Amino acid sequence: MPPNVDWAYPLLMRLILLTTFLLLALTPAARAGDTCTCQYFGQHLKLGTTICMKSWKGQRIVTCGMTLNNTAWKISDTPCNQVAAKSPARDNASVAVATLEKLLNK
């Protein structure tokens, strides 16, 4: 008479399921790479980029991030004028925003 191994099947299935999820999570396609960008007036900005953008709340600091596996701008409650004095470095995005603000204010 064979030994009772009813306990082994659920354990084996859990192990296979866990291994499958780990392998899928570690594949490069599952992670956001350099190809994921947020668009702002024709510019492609990397994830984590913070800029000043006009929103329904007024001029706000926004950050490029991921939402439901899509890139999206996350709008903060911080107005742009509070942060302008704290950011000494001006990159291309900051210059583009300054240029855009000049165009919008004409």
C-alpha atoms as a PDB file:
ATOM      1  CA  MET A   1       0.000   0.000   0.000  1.00  0.00           C
ATOM      2  CA  PRO A   2       1.522   3.396  -1.019  1.00  0.00           C
ATOM      3  CA  PRO A   3       2.107   6.063   1.636  1.00  0.00           C
ATOM      4  CA  ASN A   4      -0.407   8.883   2.005  1.00  0.00           C
ATOM      5  CA  VAL A   5       0.973  11.945   0.149  1.00  0.00           C
ATOM      6  CA  ASP A   6      -2.154  14.106  -0.038  1.00  0.00           C
ATOM      7  CA  TRP A   7      -0.253  16.927   1.692  1.00  0.00           C
ATOM      8  CA  ALA A   8       2.429  17.064  -1.013  1.00  0.00           C
ATOM      9  CA  TYR A   9       0.232  18.136  -3.941  1.00  0.00           C
ATOM     10  CA  PRO A  10      -0.927  21.520  -2.499  1.00  0.00           C
ATOM     11  CA  LEU A  11       2.619  22.239  -1.333  1.00  0.00           C
ATOM     12  CA  LEU A  12       4.028  21.456  -4.781  1.00  0.00           C
ATOM     13  CA  MET A  13       1.421  23.647  -6.502  1.00  0.00           C
ATOM     14  CA  ARG A  14       2.216  26.575  -4.198  1.00  0.00           C
ATOM     15  CA  LEU A  15       5.923  26.155  -4.886  1.00  0.00           C
ATOM     16  CA  ILE A  16       5.347  26.128  -8.658  1.00  0.00           C
ATOM     17  CA  LEU A  17       3.088  29.187  -8.451  1.00  0.00           C
ATOM     18  CA  LEU A  18       5.591  31.121  -6.317  1.00  0.00           C
ATOM     19  CA  THR A  19       8.455  30.240  -8.664  1.00  0.00           C
ATOM     20  CA  THR A  20       6.442  31.372 -11.691  1.00  0.00           C
ATOM     21  CA  PHE A  21       5.609  34.731 -10.104  1.00  0.00           C
ATOM     22  CA  LEU A  22       9.235  35.303  -9.102  1.00  0.00           C
ATOM     23  CA  LEU A  23      10.485  34.535 -12.600  1.00  0.00           C
ATOM     24  CA  LEU A  24       7.932  36.879 -14.165  1.00  0.00           C
ATOM     25  CA  ALA A  25       8.760  39.653 -11.715  1.00  0.00           C
ATOM     26  CA  LEU A  26      12.470  39.425 -12.479  1.00  0.00           C
ATOM     27  CA  THR A  27      12.170  39.599 -16.265  1.00  0.00           C
ATOM     28  CA  PRO A  28      13.216  42.906 -17.859  1.00  0.00           C
ATOM     29  CA  ALA A  29       9.827  43.351 -19.533  1.00  0.00           C
ATOM     30  CA  ALA A  30       8.117  43.555 -16.146  1.00  0.00           C
ATOM     31  CA  ARG A  31      10.193  46.520 -14.974  1.00  0.00           C
ATOM     32  CA  ALA A  32       9.978  50.092 -16.220  1.00  0.00           C
ATOM     33  CA  GLY A  33      13.043  50.831 -18.278  1.00  0.00           C
ATOM     34  CA  ASP A  34      14.518  53.853 -20.010  1.00  0.00           C
ATOM     35  CA  THR A  35      11.818  53.632 -22.646  1.00  0.00           C
ATOM     36  CA  CYS A  36       9.122  54.704 -20.167  1.00  0.00           C
ATOM     37  CA  THR A  37       8.819  58.487 -20.309  1.00  0.00           C
ATOM     38  CA  CYS A  38       6.246  61.186 -19.671  1.00  0.00           C
ATOM     39  CA  GLN A  39       5.508  63.609 -22.466  1.00  0.00           C
ATOM     40  CA  TYR A  40       5.361  67.350 -21.998  1.00  0.00           C
ATOM     41  CA  PHE A  41       4.867  69.518 -25.108  1.00  0.00           C
ATOM     42  CA  GLY A  42       6.821  67.170 -27.355  1.00  0.00           C
ATOM     43  CA  GLN A  43       9.566  66.400 -24.850  1.00  0.00           C
ATOM     44  CA  HIS A  44      10.084  62.920 -23.424  1.00  0.00           C
ATOM     45  CA  LEU A  45      11.061  63.172 -19.756  1.00  0.00           C
ATOM     46  CA  LYS A  46      12.378  60.259 -17.674  1.00  0.00           C
ATOM     47  CA  LEU A  47      10.551  58.723 -14.730  1.00  0.00           C
ATOM     48  CA  GLY A  48      11.137  60.745 -11.573  1.00  0.00           C
ATOM     49  CA  THR A  49      11.492  64.071 -13.425  1.00  0.00           C
ATOM     50  CA  THR A  50       9.875  66.940 -11.541  1.00  0.00           C
ATOM     51  CA  ILE A  51       8.652  70.048 -13.372  1.00  0.00           C
ATOM     52  CA  CYS A  52       6.261  72.939 -12.917  1.00  0.00           C
ATOM     53  CA  MET A  53       3.012  72.437 -14.822  1.00  0.00           C
ATOM     54  CA  LYS A  54      -0.228  74.357 -15.123  1.00  0.00           C
ATOM     55  CA  SER A  55      -3.121  72.281 -13.732  1.00  0.00           C
ATOM     56  CA  TRP A  56      -6.673  72.830 -12.544  1.00  0.00           C
ATOM     57  CA  LYS A  57      -5.121  73.655  -9.156  1.00  0.00           C
ATOM     58  CA  GLY A  58      -2.928  76.367 -10.716  1.00  0.00           C
ATOM     59  CA  GLN A  59       0.849  76.137 -11.243  1.00  0.00           C
ATOM     60  CA  ARG A  60       1.902  72.973  -9.374  1.00  0.00           C
ATOM     61  CA  ILE A  61       4.950  70.741  -9.058  1.00  0.00           C
ATOM     62  CA  VAL A  62       4.357  67.493 -10.955  1.00  0.00           C
ATOM     63  CA  THR A  63       6.445  64.326 -11.064  1.00  0.00           C
ATOM     64  CA  CYS A  64       6.637  61.753 -13.845  1.00  0.00           C
ATOM     65  CA  GLY A  65       5.638  58.372 -12.413  1.00  0.00           C
ATOM     66  CA  MET A  66       3.833  55.108 -13.117  1.00  0.00           C
ATOM     67  CA  THR A  67       0.104  54.538 -12.571  1.00  0.00           C
ATOM     68  CA  LEU A  68      -1.438  51.194 -13.476  1.00  0.00           C
ATOM     69  CA  ASN A  69       1.568  50.320 -15.665  1.00  0.00           C
ATOM     70  CA  ASN A  70       1.306  53.609 -17.596  1.00  0.00           C
ATOM     71  CA  THR A  71       3.332  56.767 -17.244  1.00  0.00           C
ATOM     72  CA  ALA A  72       1.427  59.671 -15.714  1.00  0.00           C
ATOM     73  CA  TRP A  73       2.060  63.045 -14.156  1.00  0.00           C
ATOM     74  CA  LYS A  74       1.473  63.022 -10.389  1.00  0.00           C
ATOM     75  CA  ILE A  75       0.318  66.469  -9.306  1.00  0.00           C
ATOM     76  CA  SER A  76       1.423  67.669  -5.880  1.00  0.00           C
ATOM     77  CA  ASP A  77      -0.205  70.304  -3.702  1.00  0.00           C
ATOM     78  CA  THR A  78       3.006  72.362  -3.766  1.00  0.00           C
ATOM     79  CA  PRO A  79       2.752  75.558  -5.839  1.00  0.00           C
ATOM     80  CA  CYS A  80       5.686  76.183  -8.181  1.00  0.00           C
ATOM     81  CA  ASN A  81       6.641  79.533  -6.653  1.00  0.00           C
ATOM     82  CA  GLN A  82       7.475  77.850  -3.297  1.00  0.00           C
ATOM     83  CA  VAL A  83       9.991  75.493  -4.893  1.00  0.00           C
ATOM     84  CA  ALA A  84      11.610  77.846  -7.415  1.00  0.00           C
ATOM     85  CA  ALA A  85      13.955  79.323  -4.812  1.00  0.00           C
ATOM     86  CA  LYS A  86      15.019  75.837  -3.638  1.00  0.00           C
ATOM     87  CA  SER A  87      16.041  74.417  -7.039  1.00  0.00           C
ATOM     88  CA  PRO A  88      19.381  75.909  -8.101  1.00  0.00           C
ATOM     89  CA  ALA A  89      19.962  73.542 -11.050  1.00  0.00           C
ATOM     90  CA  ARG A  90      18.106  74.396 -14.247  1.00  0.00           C
ATOM     91  CA  ASP A  91      17.906  71.583 -16.742  1.00  0.00           C
ATOM     92  CA  ASN A  92      16.260  71.487 -20.170  1.00  0.00           C
ATOM     93  CA  ALA A  93      12.841  70.761 -18.676  1.00  0.00           C
ATOM     94  CA  SER A  94      13.051  73.840 -16.428  1.00  0.00           C
ATOM     95  CA  VAL A  95      14.044  76.017 -19.360  1.00  0.00           C
ATOM     96  CA  ALA A  96      11.203  74.576 -21.444  1.00  0.00           C
ATOM     97  CA  VAL A  97       8.726  75.279 -18.647  1.00  0.00           C
ATOM     98  CA  ALA A  98      10.002  78.845 -18.281  1.00  0.00           C
ATOM     99  CA  THR A  99       9.668  79.344 -22.028  1.00  0.00           C
ATOM    100  CA  LEU A 100       6.188  77.844 -22.015  1.00  0.00           C
ATOM    101  CA  GLU A 101       5.126  80.094 -19.143  1.00  0.00           C
ATOM    102  CA  LYS A 102       6.284  83.147 -21.097  1.00  0.00           C
ATOM    103  CA  LEU A 103       4.273  82.022 -24.114  1.00  0.00           C
ATOM    104  CA  LEU A 104       1.148  81.364 -22.045  1.00  0.00           C
ATOM    105  CA  ASN A 105       1.353  84.690 -20.233  1.00  0.00           C
ATOM    106  CA  LYS A 106       1.454  86.756 -23.456  1.00  0.00           C
END
